Protein backbone atom coordinates (compact mmCIF):
# COMPACT_ATOMS: atom_id res chain seq x y z
CA UNK A 1 138.70 127.41 173.68
CA UNK A 2 140.53 129.62 171.31
CA UNK A 3 141.71 129.34 167.83
CA UNK A 4 145.06 130.12 166.24
CA UNK A 5 146.58 130.62 162.87
CA UNK A 6 150.06 130.87 161.46
CA UNK A 7 151.21 133.26 158.92
CA UNK A 8 153.04 131.37 156.20
CA UNK A 9 156.32 133.30 155.12
CA UNK A 10 157.97 132.00 151.91
CA UNK A 11 161.63 132.46 151.78
CA UNK A 12 164.00 132.31 148.96
CA UNK A 13 161.30 131.59 146.53
CA UNK A 14 160.21 128.40 148.16
CA UNK A 15 156.87 127.19 147.10
CA UNK A 16 154.02 125.98 149.44
CA UNK A 17 154.68 122.53 147.97
CA UNK A 18 158.15 122.93 149.84
CA UNK A 19 156.42 123.63 153.01
CA UNK A 20 153.94 120.72 152.65
CA UNK A 21 156.92 118.30 152.34
CA UNK A 22 158.26 119.76 155.51
CA UNK A 23 154.87 119.13 157.09
CA UNK A 24 154.97 115.63 156.19
CA UNK A 25 158.11 115.19 158.48
CA UNK A 26 156.97 117.41 161.30
CA UNK A 27 153.39 117.58 161.88
CA UNK A 28 150.73 117.88 164.58
CA UNK A 29 147.10 118.36 164.62
CA UNK A 30 145.39 119.76 167.47
CA UNK A 31 141.71 119.92 166.85
CA UNK A 32 141.11 122.09 169.84
CA UNK A 33 137.55 123.12 170.44
CA UNK A 34 137.24 126.71 171.64
CA UNK A 35 133.71 127.42 172.69
CA UNK A 36 133.35 131.00 172.88
CA UNK A 37 129.63 131.92 172.88
CA UNK A 38 126.50 130.46 174.34
CA UNK A 39 123.87 129.06 171.88
CA UNK A 40 120.50 128.79 173.19
CA UNK A 41 118.67 125.69 172.81
CA UNK A 42 115.76 125.74 170.33
CA UNK A 43 112.32 125.05 171.13
CA UNK A 44 112.37 121.73 169.07
CA UNK A 45 111.38 118.99 171.32
CA UNK A 46 113.40 116.54 169.36
CA UNK A 47 116.54 118.49 168.06
CA UNK A 48 118.74 116.86 165.56
CA UNK A 49 121.90 115.04 166.60
CA UNK A 50 123.85 118.09 165.21
CA UNK A 51 121.71 120.48 167.27
CA UNK A 52 122.32 118.33 170.36
CA UNK A 53 126.12 118.44 169.77
CA UNK A 54 125.84 122.37 169.41
CA UNK A 55 123.92 122.53 172.68
CA UNK A 56 126.44 120.30 174.32
CA UNK A 57 129.42 122.17 173.26
CA UNK A 58 127.72 125.48 174.25
CA UNK A 59 127.19 124.10 177.86
CA UNK A 60 130.64 122.83 178.42
CA UNK A 61 132.39 126.08 177.10
CA UNK A 62 133.35 127.09 180.58
CA UNK A 63 135.15 123.93 181.47
CA UNK A 64 138.22 124.67 179.36
CA UNK A 65 140.03 123.21 176.32
CA UNK A 66 139.06 119.92 174.45
CA UNK A 67 142.22 118.46 173.01
CA UNK A 68 142.10 116.67 169.77
CA UNK A 69 144.34 114.59 167.55
CA UNK A 70 144.12 113.51 163.85
CA UNK A 71 143.83 109.73 163.13
CA UNK A 72 144.59 109.07 166.80
CA UNK A 73 143.87 105.43 167.02
CA UNK A 74 145.40 104.37 163.60
CA UNK A 75 149.02 105.25 163.92
CA UNK A 76 151.62 106.88 166.25
CA UNK A 77 155.22 106.99 167.11
CA UNK A 78 156.69 103.79 165.79
CA UNK A 79 153.48 101.90 165.40
CA UNK A 80 150.51 101.43 162.98
CA UNK A 81 147.04 99.79 163.23
CA UNK A 82 147.45 98.31 166.60
CA UNK A 83 144.00 97.87 168.33
CA UNK A 84 143.38 100.15 171.19
CA UNK A 85 146.59 102.19 171.04
CA UNK A 86 146.84 105.91 171.05
CA UNK A 87 149.83 108.23 171.60
CA UNK A 88 147.53 110.42 173.79
CA UNK A 89 146.11 107.50 175.82
CA UNK A 90 149.64 106.25 176.48
CA UNK A 91 150.87 109.85 177.38
CA UNK A 92 148.08 111.34 179.38
CA UNK A 93 145.95 108.50 180.44
CA UNK A 94 142.86 108.78 178.11
CA UNK A 95 141.83 109.12 174.37
CA UNK A 96 141.63 112.76 173.16
CA UNK A 97 138.32 114.50 173.71
CA UNK A 98 138.24 115.16 169.77
CA UNK A 99 139.30 112.99 167.06
CA UNK A 100 139.76 114.10 163.53
CA UNK A 101 139.34 112.04 160.27
CA UNK A 102 139.53 112.75 156.48
CA UNK A 103 137.03 111.66 153.85
CA UNK A 104 139.32 112.28 150.92
CA UNK A 105 138.96 109.17 148.70
CA UNK A 106 135.19 108.71 149.03
CA UNK A 107 134.70 110.72 145.82
CA UNK A 108 136.64 108.07 143.74
CA UNK A 109 135.10 105.02 145.58
CA UNK A 110 138.55 104.18 147.15
CA UNK A 111 138.22 101.75 150.15
CA UNK A 112 141.00 103.93 151.91
CA UNK A 113 141.22 107.64 152.48
CA UNK A 114 144.04 109.62 151.26
CA UNK A 115 146.12 108.89 154.37
CA UNK A 116 145.62 105.19 153.90
CA UNK A 117 142.86 104.71 156.51
CA UNK A 118 140.26 102.13 155.58
CA UNK A 119 136.87 103.79 155.61
CA UNK A 120 135.33 100.77 157.27
CA UNK A 121 137.76 100.99 160.09
CA UNK A 122 137.31 104.85 160.31
CA UNK A 123 133.60 104.22 160.76
CA UNK A 124 134.17 101.86 163.68
CA UNK A 125 136.71 104.44 165.23
CA UNK A 126 134.14 107.21 165.06
CA UNK A 127 131.50 105.11 166.64
CA UNK A 128 133.94 104.06 169.34
CA UNK A 129 134.89 107.71 169.97
CA UNK A 130 131.05 108.54 170.34
CA UNK A 131 130.70 105.65 172.88
CA UNK A 132 133.49 107.09 174.95
CA UNK A 133 131.62 110.47 175.01
CA UNK A 134 134.09 112.15 172.68
CA UNK A 135 133.62 114.36 169.47
CA UNK A 136 134.44 113.73 165.99
CA UNK A 137 135.50 116.16 163.27
CA UNK A 138 135.76 115.33 159.46
CA UNK A 139 137.67 117.12 156.80
CA UNK A 140 137.42 116.36 153.17
CA UNK A 141 140.54 116.74 150.78
CA UNK A 142 138.52 115.85 147.65
CA UNK A 143 140.25 115.27 144.44
CA UNK A 144 140.08 118.01 141.72
CA UNK A 145 136.85 117.26 139.92
CA UNK A 146 137.96 119.02 136.81
CA UNK A 147 141.42 117.55 136.20
CA UNK A 148 141.05 114.48 138.31
CA UNK A 149 144.16 115.16 140.30
CA UNK A 150 144.61 115.70 144.01
CA UNK A 151 143.32 118.76 146.08
CA UNK A 152 146.68 120.23 145.67
CA UNK A 153 146.69 120.38 142.04
CA UNK A 154 144.57 123.41 140.85
CA UNK A 155 144.24 124.52 137.32
CA UNK A 156 142.13 127.65 138.13
CA UNK A 157 138.42 128.29 137.86
CA UNK A 158 137.44 124.81 139.15
CA UNK A 159 134.74 126.15 141.41
CA UNK A 160 133.04 128.20 138.62
CA UNK A 161 133.08 125.21 136.40
CA UNK A 162 131.43 123.05 139.08
CA UNK A 163 128.66 125.53 139.76
CA UNK A 164 127.97 126.43 135.93
CA UNK A 165 128.90 123.28 133.98
CA UNK A 166 126.43 120.59 134.02
CA UNK A 167 129.09 117.75 133.65
CA UNK A 168 131.21 118.93 136.47
CA UNK A 169 128.40 119.78 138.57
CA UNK A 170 126.95 116.12 138.23
CA UNK A 171 130.37 114.94 139.44
CA UNK A 172 130.29 117.07 142.46
CA UNK A 173 126.63 116.07 143.22
CA UNK A 174 127.70 112.35 142.93
CA UNK A 175 130.63 112.89 145.31
CA UNK A 176 128.43 114.67 147.78
CA UNK A 177 126.08 111.82 147.76
CA UNK A 178 128.87 109.54 148.70
CA UNK A 179 129.78 111.77 151.56
CA UNK A 180 126.23 111.74 152.72
CA UNK A 181 126.08 107.95 152.49
CA UNK A 182 129.07 107.63 154.83
CA UNK A 183 127.98 110.31 157.21
CA UNK A 184 124.48 108.77 157.38
CA UNK A 185 125.98 105.39 158.10
CA UNK A 186 127.54 106.59 161.28
CA UNK A 187 125.15 105.10 163.84
CA UNK A 188 125.25 103.88 167.31
CA UNK A 189 122.21 101.61 167.29
CA UNK A 190 119.47 103.68 165.77
CA UNK A 191 120.99 106.89 166.91
CA UNK A 192 123.16 108.82 164.40
CA UNK A 193 126.57 109.99 165.47
CA UNK A 194 126.98 113.83 165.17
CA UNK A 195 130.15 115.10 163.47
CA UNK A 196 131.70 118.43 162.91
CA UNK A 197 132.23 118.77 159.14
CA UNK A 198 134.71 120.99 157.91
CA UNK A 199 134.99 121.03 154.03
CA UNK A 200 136.65 123.46 151.80
CA UNK A 201 138.98 124.90 154.53
CA UNK A 202 142.06 127.13 154.06
CA UNK A 203 140.12 128.75 151.29
CA UNK A 204 142.18 132.00 151.51
CA UNK A 205 145.28 130.18 150.51
CA UNK A 206 146.27 129.22 146.96
CA UNK A 207 147.19 125.51 147.54
CA UNK A 208 143.75 124.02 147.09
CA UNK A 209 141.63 124.05 143.92
CA UNK A 210 138.78 125.59 145.76
CA UNK A 211 140.56 128.68 147.25
CA UNK A 212 142.57 131.72 146.80
CA UNK A 213 143.43 132.82 143.30
CA UNK A 214 141.83 129.65 141.96
CA UNK A 215 138.42 131.07 142.55
CA UNK A 216 136.47 134.14 143.58
CA UNK A 217 135.06 134.83 147.13
CA UNK A 218 131.49 134.64 145.75
CA UNK A 219 132.10 131.40 144.00
CA UNK A 220 133.45 129.86 147.07
CA UNK A 221 130.45 131.02 149.08
CA UNK A 222 128.18 129.44 146.45
CA UNK A 223 130.24 126.17 146.60
CA UNK A 224 129.94 125.99 150.37
CA UNK A 225 126.24 126.61 150.37
CA UNK A 226 125.62 124.19 147.67
CA UNK A 227 127.52 121.56 149.69
CA UNK A 228 125.59 122.41 152.87
CA UNK A 229 122.18 122.36 151.38
CA UNK A 230 122.80 119.16 149.51
CA UNK A 231 124.09 117.26 152.48
CA UNK A 232 121.58 118.71 154.88
CA UNK A 233 118.70 117.25 152.82
CA UNK A 234 120.10 113.85 153.73
CA UNK A 235 121.91 114.08 157.00
CA UNK A 236 120.72 115.57 160.32
CA UNK A 237 123.96 114.78 162.26
CA UNK A 238 126.21 117.36 160.52
CA UNK A 239 127.63 120.30 162.47
CA UNK A 240 129.11 122.87 159.98
CA UNK A 241 132.46 124.40 160.44
CA UNK A 242 134.25 127.17 158.53
CA UNK A 243 138.16 127.77 158.85
CA UNK A 244 140.46 130.00 156.98
CA UNK A 245 144.14 130.02 157.38
CA UNK A 246 146.03 132.75 159.40
CA UNK A 247 146.72 134.55 156.24
CA UNK A 248 143.09 135.87 156.42
CA UNK A 249 142.86 139.53 157.08
CA UNK A 250 139.25 138.89 158.22
CA UNK A 251 136.78 136.08 158.63
CA UNK A 252 134.22 137.84 156.47
CA UNK A 253 135.98 137.59 153.17
CA UNK A 254 134.82 134.06 152.34
CA UNK A 255 132.14 133.54 155.09
CA UNK A 256 129.06 131.82 153.61
CA UNK A 257 126.64 133.28 156.05
CA UNK A 258 125.23 132.69 159.55
CA UNK A 259 122.67 130.18 158.17
CA UNK A 260 125.33 127.84 156.88
CA UNK A 261 127.73 127.93 159.77
CA UNK A 262 127.82 126.54 163.36
CA UNK A 263 131.52 126.79 164.17
CA UNK A 264 134.34 129.07 163.09
CA UNK A 265 137.86 128.27 163.32
CA UNK A 266 141.33 128.99 162.02
CA UNK A 267 144.31 126.71 160.87
CA UNK A 268 147.81 127.67 162.17
CA UNK A 269 151.21 125.97 161.47
CA UNK A 270 154.79 126.83 162.36
CA UNK A 271 157.15 126.43 159.19
CA UNK A 272 160.15 128.44 160.45
CA UNK A 273 160.91 126.93 163.88
CA UNK A 274 160.26 130.44 165.41
CA UNK A 275 158.49 130.06 168.76
CA UNK A 276 158.11 133.69 169.37
CA UNK A 277 156.28 134.26 165.77
CA UNK A 278 154.22 131.26 166.32
CA UNK A 279 153.07 132.28 169.54
CA UNK A 280 152.24 135.82 168.21
CA UNK A 281 150.41 134.35 165.31
CA UNK A 282 148.47 132.11 167.63
CA UNK A 283 147.35 135.04 169.85
CA UNK A 284 146.38 137.20 166.80
CA UNK A 285 144.57 134.28 165.17
CA UNK A 286 142.46 133.34 168.16
CA UNK A 287 141.57 136.97 168.98
CA UNK A 288 140.28 137.40 165.42
CA UNK A 289 138.34 134.07 165.53
CA UNK A 290 136.80 134.48 169.06
CA UNK A 291 135.82 138.13 168.34
CA UNK A 292 133.98 136.90 165.15
CA UNK A 293 132.28 133.95 166.90
CA UNK A 294 131.08 136.20 169.67
CA UNK A 295 129.60 138.70 167.14
CA UNK A 296 127.99 136.06 165.21
CA UNK A 297 126.85 133.80 168.10
CA UNK A 298 128.92 130.90 166.92
CA UNK A 299 131.30 128.32 168.47
CA UNK A 300 134.99 128.81 168.02
CA UNK A 301 137.87 126.48 167.67
CA UNK A 302 141.59 126.04 166.77
CA UNK A 303 141.01 123.63 163.90
CA UNK A 304 144.44 122.66 162.77
CA UNK A 305 147.95 123.40 164.23
CA UNK A 306 151.49 122.02 163.87
CA UNK A 307 154.52 123.00 165.77
CA UNK A 308 156.75 119.97 166.11
CA UNK A 309 159.78 121.84 164.93
CA UNK A 310 159.67 124.48 167.54
CA UNK A 311 162.62 124.26 170.06
CA UNK A 312 161.72 124.52 173.72
CA UNK A 313 164.79 125.65 175.63
CA UNK A 314 164.82 125.35 179.33
CA UNK A 315 165.96 127.88 181.78
CA UNK A 316 166.42 127.80 185.57
CA UNK A 317 164.14 130.07 187.62
CA UNK A 318 166.22 132.82 189.12
CA UNK A 319 164.46 132.90 192.60
CA UNK A 320 165.68 129.51 193.78
CA UNK A 321 166.64 128.46 197.20
CA UNK A 322 170.30 128.02 196.50
CA UNK A 323 170.23 124.20 197.26
CA UNK A 324 168.53 123.11 193.94
CA UNK A 325 167.43 124.73 190.72
CA UNK A 326 163.84 124.90 189.48
CA UNK A 327 163.35 125.08 185.77
CA UNK A 328 160.74 127.09 183.78
CA UNK A 329 159.81 123.92 181.67
CA UNK A 330 160.20 120.87 183.95
CA UNK A 331 160.48 117.66 182.33
CA UNK A 332 158.62 115.86 185.13
CA UNK A 333 156.41 117.30 187.91
CA UNK A 334 154.23 115.97 190.75
CA UNK A 335 151.24 116.22 188.45
CA UNK A 336 152.69 113.50 186.19
CA UNK A 337 152.33 110.93 188.96
CA UNK A 338 150.23 108.06 187.72
CA UNK A 339 146.73 107.97 189.12
CA UNK A 340 146.83 104.42 190.24
CA UNK A 341 149.75 105.44 192.41
CA UNK A 342 147.67 107.93 194.15
CA UNK A 343 144.45 106.01 194.31
CA UNK A 344 143.27 102.44 194.82
CA UNK A 345 140.48 102.32 192.29
CA UNK A 346 138.83 99.16 193.71
CA UNK A 347 135.28 99.78 194.95
CA UNK A 348 135.84 96.99 197.58
CA UNK A 349 139.01 98.18 199.18
CA UNK A 350 138.44 101.88 198.55
CA UNK A 351 134.78 102.67 198.28
CA UNK A 352 135.20 106.38 199.03
CA UNK A 353 137.97 106.83 196.41
CA UNK A 354 140.42 108.23 198.99
CA UNK A 355 143.87 109.26 197.97
CA UNK A 356 146.38 106.86 199.50
CA UNK A 357 149.70 108.47 198.39
CA UNK A 358 150.06 112.32 198.21
CA UNK A 359 152.74 113.65 195.83
CA UNK A 360 154.03 116.98 196.54
CA UNK A 361 157.10 117.32 194.25
CA UNK A 362 159.20 115.49 191.78
CA UNK A 363 163.03 115.82 191.43
CA UNK A 364 164.63 114.81 188.11
CA UNK A 365 167.49 112.80 189.56
CA UNK A 366 168.96 111.67 186.28
CA UNK A 367 168.31 109.79 183.18
CA UNK A 368 169.53 106.41 181.68
CA UNK A 369 169.67 105.84 177.89
CA UNK A 370 167.83 102.74 177.00
CA UNK A 371 167.80 101.89 173.34
CA UNK A 372 166.50 104.95 171.37
CA UNK A 373 165.06 106.40 174.72
CA UNK A 374 166.07 108.17 177.84
CA UNK A 375 164.54 106.75 181.00
CA UNK A 376 164.01 109.50 183.55
CA UNK A 377 164.98 108.57 187.05
CA UNK A 378 162.87 110.67 189.46
CA UNK A 379 162.89 111.25 193.27
CA UNK A 380 159.32 111.75 194.33
CA UNK A 381 158.48 113.66 197.58
CA UNK A 382 155.17 112.72 199.08
CA UNK A 383 153.25 114.08 202.08
CA UNK A 384 155.22 114.37 205.26
CA UNK A 385 158.57 114.30 203.40
CA UNK A 386 158.20 110.69 202.52
CA UNK A 387 160.65 109.97 199.50
CA UNK A 388 160.77 107.26 196.88
CA UNK A 389 162.70 106.79 193.77
CA UNK A 390 161.24 105.43 190.39
CA UNK A 391 161.89 105.13 186.72
CA UNK A 392 158.83 106.85 185.41
CA UNK A 393 158.94 107.49 181.65
CA UNK A 394 161.04 107.71 178.69
CA UNK A 395 161.84 110.43 176.02
CA UNK A 396 162.88 109.51 172.47
CA UNK A 397 166.38 110.22 171.34
CA UNK A 398 166.59 112.17 168.27
CA UNK A 399 167.11 115.62 166.65
CA UNK A 400 164.63 118.46 167.18
CA UNK A 401 162.77 119.56 170.27
CA UNK A 402 162.30 117.57 173.49
CA UNK A 403 159.63 115.01 173.11
CA UNK A 404 156.80 114.42 175.63
CA UNK A 405 157.21 111.68 178.18
CA UNK A 406 155.91 108.22 177.25
CA UNK A 407 155.01 106.10 180.18
CA UNK A 408 156.57 102.68 180.39
CA UNK A 409 153.15 101.22 181.10
CA UNK A 410 149.68 102.58 180.71
CA UNK A 411 148.96 104.85 183.65
CA UNK A 412 145.33 104.79 183.56
CA UNK A 413 142.40 103.21 181.92
CA UNK A 414 140.12 105.18 179.64
CA UNK A 415 138.04 107.69 181.32
CA UNK A 416 140.27 107.92 184.52
CA UNK A 417 142.38 110.80 183.36
CA UNK A 418 142.06 113.88 181.25
CA UNK A 419 143.87 114.28 177.91
CA UNK A 420 146.00 117.39 178.43
CA UNK A 421 149.24 116.94 176.71
CA UNK A 422 150.08 117.61 173.05
CA UNK A 423 151.41 114.74 170.90
CA UNK A 424 154.05 115.36 168.35
CA UNK A 425 152.66 113.28 165.58
CA UNK A 426 153.95 112.27 162.13
CA UNK A 427 151.40 110.89 159.57
CA UNK A 428 152.41 108.14 157.47
CA UNK A 429 151.78 109.78 154.04
CA UNK A 430 150.66 113.13 153.59
CA UNK A 431 150.29 116.34 155.59
CA UNK A 432 146.88 117.41 156.76
CA UNK A 433 146.81 120.78 154.97
């Protein structure tokens, strides 16, 4: 996979705090794993859970993109805390390959993280993701250890104080012990669940107490190394990630060193509803990350992104047949056909898993407004020109870009279909930045 980053342009003297408020309203986190360089297995006969995860990701790099989603099973469009629910599952037929969670709140002994997720439930969700064969990534928006406020309230010089002042360093060490205890508790039986841990991200920006003008590059490197060394002594299931924001001119500036990093990534958001600029920034950011990953023999990822506000216009394709129009961005295609329409998944009645209905095309015959949704009525063409008509999905009515289709019923069970589509997600409390 490849990573992307968005350049943040401030207009009319607007602060980053303004943009964070925008992100609360329109946010999407795609923790997209972009494996870009093979990492050789070590000679260790019993590699750690983290090493096994690195080896696994290295082996599957040629198979494409692993789609991710923050807090996927905790909330979605118009629902909160419903067991088993997932916008990705209901849209694409399976849970996302990567799930992200945040540890902010552990440092103050809160039973819930900064987004309101109970840590006990988070632990269960992480273990469930491991059982499904998925991957887990953890960020940590720790409170400011100097002034006691949030990650977004820097006073300046906090990192230096943590490193040099015994009182503040003790606070940091105590917080790291709590993080280690939580990560160490992630077990499936006696086997530790490996996680990608991404602390102190967006360090090239000024919005966190650990980054930008609030510290120095060398102090940041020392903070990351200290965090790595302290946790690594207690946990063997941590894979370490490093991810600046697109504003970085290079990956080298804050890089702690190859001995401390397993995966490099980049965070990209759209704040200006500019699809062209967003695409350009993604291309630029991914190129930088993947080149760096290859040179340093690391994995690469698009670690955060948000583009819900981007409009998606639709245009007819010029080379039509004169009878009907084909569009560049179709709402519905034959590929959206539910798998249980195509296959009988019973081992008794279809032991060889033969396809029973072949779908060749889908025509959007119209739509019906139903509550706050539009139900798409489609004419589906199968093999040998056999036709049928079906109400196949719904799009939410509202301002902004076209929303993805949401099936009227669950199309496939877990493991029966890949998670390929992006979900426009709005968190309940704060942005992920």
